């Protein structure tokens, strides 16, 4: 296992699968993400505008690098339909060497 803190996974939620796929395709086609995994539906319960809301959403896990975070965020925000989309990243502490090589080939 190689320690490489330049890789991150970005977590995103969105309210419909088609929009999730559109964002995922754009990220991969533009080489901003090596892979986007879409899962769901999931149920979210949260505070919004003074009320407790419930929503059916899909979650996306986006594999990319820290250097590309701002470009990924900008693309997501340009296509997302939420006023404030949930976008956050986590550093990947360890990456298998073969997977790391594939990530680097897949990204710009």
PDB file of N, CA and C in Angstrom:
ATOM      1  N   UNK A   1       0.835  -1.187   0.000  1.00  0.00           N
ATOM      2  CA  UNK A   1       0.000   0.000   0.000  1.00  0.00           C
ATOM      3  C   UNK A   1       0.881   1.253   0.000  1.00  0.00           C
ATOM      4  N   UNK A   2       0.539   2.194  -0.812  1.00  0.00           N
ATOM      5  CA  UNK A   2       1.286   3.449  -0.880  1.00  0.00           C
ATOM      6  C   UNK A   2       0.458   4.564  -0.244  1.00  0.00           C
ATOM      7  N   UNK A   3       1.096   5.365   0.564  1.00  0.00           N
ATOM      8  CA  UNK A   3       0.393   6.509   1.142  1.00  0.00           C
ATOM      9  C   UNK A   3       0.497   7.655   0.152  1.00  0.00           C
ATOM     10  N   UNK A   4      -0.653   8.201  -0.240  1.00  0.00           N
ATOM     11  CA  UNK A   4      -0.662   9.290  -1.201  1.00  0.00           C
ATOM     12  C   UNK A   4      -1.841  10.190  -0.882  1.00  0.00           C
ATOM     13  N   UNK A   5      -1.594  11.305  -0.271  1.00  0.00           N
ATOM     14  CA  UNK A   5      -2.672  12.176   0.190  1.00  0.00           C
ATOM     15  C   UNK A   5      -3.207  13.091  -0.905  1.00  0.00           C
ATOM     16  N   UNK A   6      -2.691  12.964  -2.117  1.00  0.00           N
ATOM     17  CA  UNK A   6      -3.220  13.821  -3.179  1.00  0.00           C
ATOM     18  C   UNK A   6      -4.562  13.331  -3.697  1.00  0.00           C
ATOM     19  N   UNK A   7      -4.906  12.055  -3.457  1.00  0.00           N
ATOM     20  CA  UNK A   7      -6.187  11.544  -3.917  1.00  0.00           C
ATOM     21  C   UNK A   7      -7.268  11.842  -2.898  1.00  0.00           C
ATOM     22  N   UNK A   8      -8.444  12.210  -3.423  1.00  0.00           N
ATOM     23  CA  UNK A   8      -9.590  12.479  -2.562  1.00  0.00           C
ATOM     24  C   UNK A   8     -10.823  11.782  -3.128  1.00  0.00           C
ATOM     25  N   UNK A   9     -11.792  11.624  -2.266  1.00  0.00           N
ATOM     26  CA  UNK A   9     -13.107  11.147  -2.684  1.00  0.00           C
ATOM     27  C   UNK A   9     -14.094  12.247  -2.313  1.00  0.00           C
ATOM     28  N   UNK A  10     -14.867  12.685  -3.288  1.00  0.00           N
ATOM     29  CA  UNK A  10     -15.860  13.741  -3.054  1.00  0.00           C
ATOM     30  C   UNK A  10     -17.226  13.088  -2.938  1.00  0.00           C
ATOM     31  N   UNK A  11     -17.962  13.509  -1.933  1.00  0.00           N
ATOM     32  CA  UNK A  11     -19.302  13.010  -1.665  1.00  0.00           C
ATOM     33  C   UNK A  11     -20.299  14.067  -2.130  1.00  0.00           C
ATOM     34  N   UNK A  12     -21.317  13.614  -2.836  1.00  0.00           N
ATOM     35  CA  UNK A  12     -22.322  14.514  -3.395  1.00  0.00           C
ATOM     36  C   UNK A  12     -23.682  13.839  -3.302  1.00  0.00           C
ATOM     37  N   UNK A  13     -24.727  14.605  -2.990  1.00  0.00           N
ATOM     38  CA  UNK A  13     -26.090  14.089  -3.077  1.00  0.00           C
ATOM     39  C   UNK A  13     -26.886  14.944  -4.049  1.00  0.00           C
ATOM     40  N   UNK A  14     -27.897  14.296  -4.662  1.00  0.00           N
ATOM     41  CA  UNK A  14     -28.734  14.984  -5.641  1.00  0.00           C
ATOM     42  C   UNK A  14     -30.087  14.288  -5.684  1.00  0.00           C
ATOM     43  N   UNK A  15     -31.115  14.995  -6.129  1.00  0.00           N
ATOM     44  CA  UNK A  15     -32.475  14.478  -6.006  1.00  0.00           C
ATOM     45  C   UNK A  15     -32.984  13.623  -7.159  1.00  0.00           C
ATOM     46  N   UNK A  16     -32.189  13.416  -8.216  1.00  0.00           N
ATOM     47  CA  UNK A  16     -32.647  12.482  -9.248  1.00  0.00           C
ATOM     48  C   UNK A  16     -31.475  11.796  -9.931  1.00  0.00           C
ATOM     49  N   UNK A  17     -31.716  10.557 -10.295  1.00  0.00           N
ATOM     50  CA  UNK A  17     -30.659   9.710 -10.859  1.00  0.00           C
ATOM     51  C   UNK A  17     -30.151  10.239 -12.194  1.00  0.00           C
ATOM     52  N   UNK A  18     -31.041  10.737 -13.040  1.00  0.00           N
ATOM     53  CA  UNK A  18     -30.616  11.238 -14.340  1.00  0.00           C
ATOM     54  C   UNK A  18     -29.625  12.391 -14.192  1.00  0.00           C
ATOM     55  N   UNK A  19     -29.887  13.297 -13.263  1.00  0.00           N
ATOM     56  CA  UNK A  19     -28.981  14.426 -13.030  1.00  0.00           C
ATOM     57  C   UNK A  19     -27.656  13.918 -12.454  1.00  0.00           C
ATOM     58  N   UNK A  20     -27.709  12.917 -11.584  1.00  0.00           N
ATOM     59  CA  UNK A  20     -26.484  12.319 -11.041  1.00  0.00           C
ATOM     60  C   UNK A  20     -25.638  11.743 -12.170  1.00  0.00           C
ATOM     61  N   UNK A  21     -26.288  11.038 -13.098  1.00  0.00           N
ATOM     62  CA  UNK A  21     -25.566  10.461 -14.234  1.00  0.00           C
ATOM     63  C   UNK A  21     -25.010  11.540 -15.157  1.00  0.00           C
ATOM     64  N   UNK A  22     -25.750  12.617 -15.348  1.00  0.00           N
ATOM     65  CA  UNK A  22     -25.268  13.725 -16.183  1.00  0.00           C
ATOM     66  C   UNK A  22     -23.995  14.328 -15.587  1.00  0.00           C
ATOM     67  N   UNK A  23     -24.016  14.579 -14.283  1.00  0.00           N
ATOM     68  CA  UNK A  23     -22.841  15.143 -13.617  1.00  0.00           C
ATOM     69  C   UNK A  23     -21.678  14.152 -13.683  1.00  0.00           C
ATOM     70  N   UNK A  24     -21.954  12.879 -13.403  1.00  0.00           N
ATOM     71  CA  UNK A  24     -20.908  11.854 -13.442  1.00  0.00           C
ATOM     72  C   UNK A  24     -20.277  11.764 -14.825  1.00  0.00           C
ATOM     73  N   UNK A  25     -21.105  11.719 -15.860  1.00  0.00           N
ATOM     74  CA  UNK A  25     -20.575  11.653 -17.228  1.00  0.00           C
ATOM     75  C   UNK A  25     -19.711  12.860 -17.556  1.00  0.00           C
ATOM     76  N   UNK A  26     -20.148  14.054 -17.174  1.00  0.00           N
ATOM     77  CA  UNK A  26     -19.364  15.268 -17.443  1.00  0.00           C
ATOM     78  C   UNK A  26     -18.017  15.225 -16.730  1.00  0.00           C
ATOM     79  N   UNK A  27     -18.022  14.783 -15.472  1.00  0.00           N
ATOM     80  CA  UNK A  27     -16.768  14.711 -14.713  1.00  0.00           C
ATOM     81  C   UNK A  27     -15.787  13.731 -15.343  1.00  0.00           C
ATOM     82  N   UNK A  28     -16.286  12.554 -15.725  1.00  0.00           N
ATOM     83  CA  UNK A  28     -15.402  11.536 -16.309  1.00  0.00           C
ATOM     84  C   UNK A  28     -14.952  11.951 -17.714  1.00  0.00           C
ATOM     85  N   UNK A  29     -15.872  12.451 -18.538  1.00  0.00           N
ATOM     86  CA  UNK A  29     -15.515  12.879 -19.896  1.00  0.00           C
ATOM     87  C   UNK A  29     -14.474  13.985 -19.889  1.00  0.00           C
ATOM     88  N   UNK A  30     -14.555  14.887 -18.902  1.00  0.00           N
ATOM     89  CA  UNK A  30     -13.603  15.993 -18.795  1.00  0.00           C
ATOM     90  C   UNK A  30     -12.356  15.625 -17.999  1.00  0.00           C
ATOM     91  N   UNK A  31     -12.236  14.348 -17.652  1.00  0.00           N
ATOM     92  CA  UNK A  31     -11.095  13.829 -16.894  1.00  0.00           C
ATOM     93  C   UNK A  31     -10.888  14.546 -15.567  1.00  0.00           C
ATOM     94  N   UNK A  32     -11.992  14.991 -14.972  1.00  0.00           N
ATOM     95  CA  UNK A  32     -11.943  15.585 -13.636  1.00  0.00           C
ATOM     96  C   UNK A  32     -12.156  14.514 -12.568  1.00  0.00           C
ATOM     97  N   UNK A  33     -12.701  13.374 -12.968  1.00  0.00           N
ATOM     98  CA  UNK A  33     -12.892  12.238 -12.075  1.00  0.00           C
ATOM     99  C   UNK A  33     -12.488  10.978 -12.813  1.00  0.00           C
ATOM    100  N   UNK A  34     -11.851  10.072 -12.096  1.00  0.00           N
ATOM    101  CA  UNK A  34     -11.504   8.787 -12.683  1.00  0.00           C
ATOM    102  C   UNK A  34     -12.711   7.862 -12.665  1.00  0.00           C
ATOM    103  N   UNK A  35     -13.550   8.037 -11.661  1.00  0.00           N
ATOM    104  CA  UNK A  35     -14.701   7.167 -11.470  1.00  0.00           C
ATOM    105  C   UNK A  35     -15.725   7.904 -10.622  1.00  0.00           C
ATOM    106  N   UNK A  36     -16.999   7.693 -10.928  1.00  0.00           N
ATOM    107  CA  UNK A  36     -18.084   8.206 -10.085  1.00  0.00           C
ATOM    108  C   UNK A  36     -19.028   7.034  -9.848  1.00  0.00           C
ATOM    109  N   UNK A  37     -19.243   6.711  -8.590  1.00  0.00           N
ATOM    110  CA  UNK A  37     -20.177   5.656  -8.226  1.00  0.00           C
ATOM    111  C   UNK A  37     -21.472   6.310  -7.763  1.00  0.00           C
ATOM    112  N   UNK A  38     -22.586   5.852  -8.316  1.00  0.00           N
ATOM    113  CA  UNK A  38     -23.904   6.386  -7.970  1.00  0.00           C
ATOM    114  C   UNK A  38     -24.676   5.292  -7.249  1.00  0.00           C
ATOM    115  N   UNK A  39     -25.210   5.628  -6.094  1.00  0.00           N
ATOM    116  CA  UNK A  39     -26.035   4.658  -5.372  1.00  0.00           C
ATOM    117  C   UNK A  39     -27.277   5.340  -4.833  1.00  0.00           C
ATOM    118  N   UNK A  40     -28.280   4.545  -4.606  1.00  0.00           N
ATOM    119  CA  UNK A  40     -29.528   5.076  -4.090  1.00  0.00           C
ATOM    120  C   UNK A  40     -30.688   4.319  -4.676  1.00  0.00           C
ATOM    121  N   UNK A  41     -31.852   4.724  -4.353  1.00  0.00           N
ATOM    122  CA  UNK A  41     -32.136   5.945  -3.597  1.00  0.00           C
ATOM    123  C   UNK A  41     -31.847   5.781  -2.103  1.00  0.00           C
ATOM    124  N   UNK A  42     -31.555   6.915  -1.472  1.00  0.00           N
ATOM    125  CA  UNK A  42     -31.381   7.012  -0.034  1.00  0.00           C
ATOM    126  C   UNK A  42     -32.391   8.019   0.494  1.00  0.00           C
ATOM    127  N   UNK A  43     -32.702   7.946   1.764  1.00  0.00           N
ATOM    128  CA  UNK A  43     -33.593   8.918   2.399  1.00  0.00           C
ATOM    129  C   UNK A  43     -32.758   9.900   3.194  1.00  0.00           C
ATOM    130  N   UNK A  44     -32.982  11.176   3.013  1.00  0.00           N
ATOM    131  CA  UNK A  44     -32.309  12.223   3.775  1.00  0.00           C
ATOM    132  C   UNK A  44     -33.353  12.989   4.580  1.00  0.00           C
ATOM    133  N   UNK A  45     -33.023  13.275   5.824  1.00  0.00           N
ATOM    134  CA  UNK A  45     -33.864  14.086   6.701  1.00  0.00           C
ATOM    135  C   UNK A  45     -32.971  15.208   7.214  1.00  0.00           C
ATOM    136  N   UNK A  46     -33.418  16.463   7.043  1.00  0.00           N
ATOM    137  CA  UNK A  46     -32.543  17.595   7.339  1.00  0.00           C
ATOM    138  C   UNK A  46     -33.372  18.852   7.604  1.00  0.00           C
ATOM    139  N   UNK A  47     -32.707  19.837   8.194  1.00  0.00           N
ATOM    140  CA  UNK A  47     -33.324  21.155   8.399  1.00  0.00           C
ATOM    141  C   UNK A  47     -33.127  21.998   7.148  1.00  0.00           C
ATOM    142  N   UNK A  48     -34.159  22.677   6.698  1.00  0.00           N
ATOM    143  CA  UNK A  48     -34.048  23.613   5.584  1.00  0.00           C
ATOM    144  C   UNK A  48     -35.120  24.675   5.748  1.00  0.00           C
ATOM    145  N   UNK A  49     -34.707  25.927   5.722  1.00  0.00           N
ATOM    146  CA  UNK A  49     -35.619  27.074   5.801  1.00  0.00           C
ATOM    147  C   UNK A  49     -36.553  26.956   7.003  1.00  0.00           C
ATOM    148  N   UNK A  50     -35.996  26.541   8.134  1.00  0.00           N
ATOM    149  CA  UNK A  50     -36.766  26.486   9.372  1.00  0.00           C
ATOM    150  C   UNK A  50     -37.675  25.282   9.515  1.00  0.00           C
ATOM    151  N   UNK A  51     -37.623  24.371   8.581  1.00  0.00           N
ATOM    152  CA  UNK A  51     -38.486  23.179   8.616  1.00  0.00           C
ATOM    153  C   UNK A  51     -37.630  21.917   8.562  1.00  0.00           C
ATOM    154  N   UNK A  52     -38.203  20.823   9.011  1.00  0.00           N
ATOM    155  CA  UNK A  52     -37.563  19.532   8.827  1.00  0.00           C
ATOM    156  C   UNK A  52     -38.082  18.953   7.521  1.00  0.00           C
ATOM    157  N   UNK A  53     -37.156  18.642   6.635  1.00  0.00           N
ATOM    158  CA  UNK A  53     -37.482  18.136   5.299  1.00  0.00           C
ATOM    159  C   UNK A  53     -37.080  16.670   5.185  1.00  0.00           C
ATOM    160  N   UNK A  54     -37.749  15.953   4.307  1.00  0.00           N
ATOM    161  CA  UNK A  54     -37.397  14.585   3.944  1.00  0.00           C
ATOM    162  C   UNK A  54     -37.285  14.542   2.435  1.00  0.00           C
ATOM    163  N   UNK A  55     -36.252  13.874   1.960  1.00  0.00           N
ATOM    164  CA  UNK A  55     -36.047  13.809   0.512  1.00  0.00           C
ATOM    165  C   UNK A  55     -35.466  12.460   0.119  1.00  0.00           C
ATOM    166  N   UNK A  56     -35.838  12.023  -1.060  1.00  0.00           N
ATOM    167  CA  UNK A  56     -35.216  10.868  -1.676  1.00  0.00           C
ATOM    168  C   UNK A  56     -34.085  11.393  -2.542  1.00  0.00           C
ATOM    169  N   UNK A  57     -32.882  10.855  -2.335  1.00  0.00           N
ATOM    170  CA  UNK A  57     -31.713  11.349  -3.052  1.00  0.00           C
ATOM    171  C   UNK A  57     -30.858  10.188  -3.536  1.00  0.00           C
ATOM    172  N   UNK A  58     -29.905  10.512  -4.386  1.00  0.00           N
ATOM    173  CA  UNK A  58     -28.871   9.588  -4.832  1.00  0.00           C
ATOM    174  C   UNK A  58     -27.550  10.159  -4.365  1.00  0.00           C
ATOM    175  N   UNK A  59     -26.627   9.290  -3.988  1.00  0.00           N
ATOM    176  CA  UNK A  59     -25.309   9.771  -3.584  1.00  0.00           C
ATOM    177  C   UNK A  59     -24.279   9.378  -4.619  1.00  0.00           C
ATOM    178  N   UNK A  60     -23.345  10.264  -4.809  1.00  0.00           N
ATOM    179  CA  UNK A  60     -22.259  10.054  -5.756  1.00  0.00           C
ATOM    180  C   UNK A  60     -20.945  10.094  -4.990  1.00  0.00           C
ATOM    181  N   UNK A  61     -20.082   9.115  -5.262  1.00  0.00           N
ATOM    182  CA  UNK A  61     -18.735   9.104  -4.718  1.00  0.00           C
ATOM    183  C   UNK A  61     -17.792   9.301  -5.889  1.00  0.00           C
ATOM    184  N   UNK A  62     -17.048  10.394  -5.841  1.00  0.00           N
ATOM    185  CA  UNK A  62     -16.229  10.848  -6.961  1.00  0.00           C
ATOM    186  C   UNK A  62     -14.756  10.675  -6.600  1.00  0.00           C
ATOM    187  N   UNK A  63     -14.014   9.922  -7.412  1.00  0.00           N
ATOM    188  CA  UNK A  63     -12.581   9.723  -7.184  1.00  0.00           C
ATOM    189  C   UNK A  63     -11.806  10.701  -8.045  1.00  0.00           C
ATOM    190  N   UNK A  64     -10.976  11.517  -7.374  1.00  0.00           N
ATOM    191  CA  UNK A  64     -10.216  12.539  -8.086  1.00  0.00           C
ATOM    192  C   UNK A  64      -8.979  12.903  -7.271  1.00  0.00           C
ATOM    193  N   UNK A  65      -8.344  14.030  -7.603  1.00  0.00           N
ATOM    194  CA  UNK A  65      -7.196  14.516  -6.837  1.00  0.00           C
ATOM    195  C   UNK A  65      -7.540  15.852  -6.185  1.00  0.00           C
ATOM    196  N   UNK A  66      -6.793  16.148  -5.154  1.00  0.00           N
ATOM    197  CA  UNK A  66      -6.994  17.405  -4.422  1.00  0.00           C
ATOM    198  C   UNK A  66      -6.822  18.611  -5.353  1.00  0.00           C
ATOM    199  N   UNK A  67      -5.878  18.518  -6.278  1.00  0.00           N
ATOM    200  CA  UNK A  67      -5.631  19.618  -7.213  1.00  0.00           C
ATOM    201  C   UNK A  67      -6.834  19.914  -8.112  1.00  0.00           C
ATOM    202  N   UNK A  68      -7.668  18.905  -8.345  1.00  0.00           N
ATOM    203  CA  UNK A  68      -8.828  19.087  -9.230  1.00  0.00           C
ATOM    204  C   UNK A  68     -10.111  19.445  -8.480  1.00  0.00           C
ATOM    205  N   UNK A  69     -10.049  19.535  -7.144  1.00  0.00           N
ATOM    206  CA  UNK A  69     -11.264  19.762  -6.353  1.00  0.00           C
ATOM    207  C   UNK A  69     -12.067  20.980  -6.828  1.00  0.00           C
ATOM    208  N   UNK A  70     -11.423  22.124  -7.010  1.00  0.00           N
ATOM    209  CA  UNK A  70     -12.153  23.341  -7.387  1.00  0.00           C
ATOM    210  C   UNK A  70     -12.850  23.192  -8.737  1.00  0.00           C
ATOM    211  N   UNK A  71     -12.180  22.559  -9.702  1.00  0.00           N
ATOM    212  CA  UNK A  71     -12.811  22.344 -11.004  1.00  0.00           C
ATOM    213  C   UNK A  71     -13.999  21.393 -10.893  1.00  0.00           C
ATOM    214  N   UNK A  72     -13.851  20.344 -10.082  1.00  0.00           N
ATOM    215  CA  UNK A  72     -14.959  19.409  -9.859  1.00  0.00           C
ATOM    216  C   UNK A  72     -16.124  20.147  -9.208  1.00  0.00           C
ATOM    217  N   UNK A  73     -15.836  20.912  -8.165  1.00  0.00           N
ATOM    218  CA  UNK A  73     -16.872  21.676  -7.457  1.00  0.00           C
ATOM    219  C   UNK A  73     -17.582  22.636  -8.403  1.00  0.00           C
ATOM    220  N   UNK A  74     -16.831  23.334  -9.228  1.00  0.00           N
ATOM    221  CA  UNK A  74     -17.433  24.295 -10.161  1.00  0.00           C
ATOM    222  C   UNK A  74     -18.340  23.605 -11.174  1.00  0.00           C
ATOM    223  N   UNK A  75     -17.907  22.466 -11.696  1.00  0.00           N
ATOM    224  CA  UNK A  75     -18.741  21.731 -12.649  1.00  0.00           C
ATOM    225  C   UNK A  75     -20.023  21.249 -11.968  1.00  0.00           C
ATOM    226  N   UNK A  76     -19.891  20.694 -10.775  1.00  0.00           N
ATOM    227  CA  UNK A  76     -21.072  20.231 -10.033  1.00  0.00           C
ATOM    228  C   UNK A  76     -22.044  21.382  -9.826  1.00  0.00           C
ATOM    229  N   UNK A  77     -21.551  22.500  -9.330  1.00  0.00           N
ATOM    230  CA  UNK A  77     -22.433  23.643  -9.041  1.00  0.00           C
ATOM    231  C   UNK A  77     -23.099  24.185 -10.304  1.00  0.00           C
ATOM    232  N   UNK A  78     -22.427  24.084 -11.453  1.00  0.00           N
ATOM    233  CA  UNK A  78     -23.015  24.592 -12.696  1.00  0.00           C
ATOM    234  C   UNK A  78     -24.159  23.702 -13.191  1.00  0.00           C
ATOM    235  N   UNK A  79     -24.181  22.434 -12.768  1.00  0.00           N
ATOM    236  CA  UNK A  79     -25.189  21.496 -13.250  1.00  0.00           C
ATOM    237  C   UNK A  79     -26.200  21.078 -12.182  1.00  0.00           C
ATOM    238  N   UNK A  80     -25.883  21.329 -10.924  1.00  0.00           N
ATOM    239  CA  UNK A  80     -26.723  20.865  -9.812  1.00  0.00           C
ATOM    240  C   UNK A  80     -27.949  21.753  -9.663  1.00  0.00           C
ATOM    241  N   UNK A  81     -29.061  21.171  -9.227  1.00  0.00           N
ATOM    242  CA  UNK A  81     -30.289  21.947  -9.089  1.00  0.00           C
ATOM    243  C   UNK A  81     -30.587  22.404  -7.665  1.00  0.00           C
ATOM    244  N   UNK A  82     -29.727  22.106  -6.691  1.00  0.00           N
ATOM    245  CA  UNK A  82     -29.937  22.574  -5.326  1.00  0.00           C
ATOM    246  C   UNK A  82     -29.357  23.971  -5.160  1.00  0.00           C
ATOM    247  N   UNK A  83     -29.979  24.752  -4.314  1.00  0.00           N
ATOM    248  CA  UNK A  83     -29.433  26.073  -3.971  1.00  0.00           C
ATOM    249  C   UNK A  83     -28.066  25.927  -3.303  1.00  0.00           C
ATOM    250  N   UNK A  84     -27.958  24.964  -2.385  1.00  0.00           N
ATOM    251  CA  UNK A  84     -26.691  24.682  -1.705  1.00  0.00           C
ATOM    252  C   UNK A  84     -26.443  23.176  -1.782  1.00  0.00           C
ATOM    253  N   UNK A  85     -25.746  22.709  -2.806  1.00  0.00           N
ATOM    254  CA  UNK A  85     -25.495  21.269  -2.904  1.00  0.00           C
ATOM    255  C   UNK A  85     -24.522  20.792  -1.828  1.00  0.00           C
ATOM    256  N   UNK A  86     -24.734  19.550  -1.414  1.00  0.00           N
ATOM    257  CA  UNK A  86     -23.826  18.921  -0.457  1.00  0.00           C
ATOM    258  C   UNK A  86     -22.619  18.417  -1.233  1.00  0.00           C
ATOM    259  N   UNK A  87     -21.484  19.074  -1.021  1.00  0.00           N
ATOM    260  CA  UNK A  87     -20.232  18.692  -1.680  1.00  0.00           C
ATOM    261  C   UNK A  87     -19.152  18.725  -0.609  1.00  0.00           C
ATOM    262  N   UNK A  88     -18.564  17.583  -0.308  1.00  0.00           N
ATOM    263  CA  UNK A  88     -17.413  17.595   0.590  1.00  0.00           C
ATOM    264  C   UNK A  88     -16.447  16.500   0.191  1.00  0.00           C
ATOM    265  N   UNK A  89     -15.196  16.669   0.600  1.00  0.00           N
ATOM    266  CA  UNK A  89     -14.179  15.700   0.206  1.00  0.00           C
ATOM    267  C   UNK A  89     -13.509  15.099   1.429  1.00  0.00           C
ATOM    268  N   UNK A  90     -12.975  13.918   1.196  1.00  0.00           N
ATOM    269  CA  UNK A  90     -12.179  13.225   2.197  1.00  0.00           C
ATOM    270  C   UNK A  90     -10.895  12.779   1.531  1.00  0.00           C
ATOM    271  N   UNK A  91      -9.788  12.938   2.242  1.00  0.00           N
ATOM    272  CA  UNK A  91      -8.523  12.458   1.710  1.00  0.00           C
ATOM    273  C   UNK A  91      -8.493  10.944   1.772  1.00  0.00           C
ATOM    274  N   UNK A  92      -7.876  10.345   0.784  1.00  0.00           N
ATOM    275  CA  UNK A  92      -7.678   8.908   0.757  1.00  0.00           C
ATOM    276  C   UNK A  92      -6.272   8.653   1.292  1.00  0.00           C
ATOM    277  N   UNK A  93      -6.188   7.995   2.439  1.00  0.00           N
ATOM    278  CA  UNK A  93      -4.905   7.829   3.126  1.00  0.00           C
ATOM    279  C   UNK A  93      -3.988   6.836   2.436  1.00  0.00           C
ATOM    280  N   UNK A  94      -4.545   5.744   1.938  1.00  0.00           N
ATOM    281  CA  UNK A  94      -3.722   4.726   1.296  1.00  0.00           C
ATOM    282  C   UNK A  94      -4.385   4.273   0.007  1.00  0.00           C
ATOM    283  N   UNK A  95      -3.557   4.030  -0.997  1.00  0.00           N
ATOM    284  CA  UNK A  95      -4.053   3.609  -2.300  1.00  0.00           C
ATOM    285  C   UNK A  95      -3.184   2.449  -2.799  1.00  0.00           C
ATOM    286  N   UNK A  96      -3.828   1.385  -3.243  1.00  0.00           N
ATOM    287  CA  UNK A  96      -3.104   0.286  -3.867  1.00  0.00           C
ATOM    288  C   UNK A  96      -2.335   0.839  -5.071  1.00  0.00           C
ATOM    289  N   UNK A  97      -1.121   0.409  -5.255  1.00  0.00           N
ATOM    290  CA  UNK A  97      -0.245   0.954  -6.306  1.00  0.00           C
ATOM    291  C   UNK A  97      -0.866   0.812  -7.696  1.00  0.00           C
ATOM    292  N   UNK A  98      -1.457  -0.341  -8.009  1.00  0.00           N
ATOM    293  CA  UNK A  98      -2.075  -0.534  -9.322  1.00  0.00           C
ATOM    294  C   UNK A  98      -3.263   0.412  -9.507  1.00  0.00           C
ATOM    295  N   UNK A  99      -4.073   0.561  -8.447  1.00  0.00           N
ATOM    296  CA  UNK A  99      -5.227   1.463  -8.531  1.00  0.00           C
ATOM    297  C   UNK A  99      -4.748   2.909  -8.663  1.00  0.00           C
ATOM    298  N   UNK A 100      -3.698   3.256  -7.956  1.00  0.00           N
ATOM    299  CA  UNK A 100      -3.120   4.596  -8.047  1.00  0.00           C
ATOM    300  C   UNK A 100      -2.671   4.892  -9.482  1.00  0.00           C
ATOM    301  N   UNK A 101      -2.010   3.936 -10.113  1.00  0.00           N
ATOM    302  CA  UNK A 101      -1.573   4.119 -11.503  1.00  0.00           C
ATOM    303  C   UNK A 101      -2.768   4.333 -12.417  1.00  0.00           C
ATOM    304  N   UNK A 102      -3.838   3.545 -12.212  1.00  0.00           N
ATOM    305  CA  UNK A 102      -5.044   3.713 -13.025  1.00  0.00           C
ATOM    306  C   UNK A 102      -5.675   5.090 -12.796  1.00  0.00           C
ATOM    307  N   UNK A 103      -5.748   5.520 -11.534  1.00  0.00           N
ATOM    308  CA  UNK A 103      -6.292   6.850 -11.242  1.00  0.00           C
ATOM    309  C   UNK A 103      -5.539   7.928 -12.012  1.00  0.00           C
ATOM    310  N   UNK A 104      -4.223   7.872 -11.972  1.00  0.00           N
ATOM    311  CA  UNK A 104      -3.414   8.902 -12.629  1.00  0.00           C
ATOM    312  C   UNK A 104      -3.614   8.877 -14.146  1.00  0.00           C
ATOM    313  N   UNK A 105      -3.772   7.702 -14.727  1.00  0.00           N
ATOM    314  CA  UNK A 105      -4.019   7.613 -16.171  1.00  0.00           C
ATOM    315  C   UNK A 105      -5.392   8.168 -16.537  1.00  0.00           C
ATOM    316  N   UNK A 106      -6.369   7.981 -15.676  1.00  0.00           N
ATOM    317  CA  UNK A 106      -7.741   8.386 -15.974  1.00  0.00           C
ATOM    318  C   UNK A 106      -7.986   9.884 -15.804  1.00  0.00           C
ATOM    319  N   UNK A 107      -7.145  10.533 -14.993  1.00  0.00           N
ATOM    320  CA  UNK A 107      -7.322  11.966 -14.714  1.00  0.00           C
ATOM    321  C   UNK A 107      -6.446  12.803 -15.621  1.00  0.00           C
ATOM    322  N   UNK A 108      -6.824  14.095 -15.794  1.00  0.00           N
ATOM    323  CA  UNK A 108      -6.005  14.927 -16.669  1.00  0.00           C
ATOM    324  C   UNK A 108      -4.689  15.295 -16.041  1.00  0.00           C
TER     325      UNK A 108
END
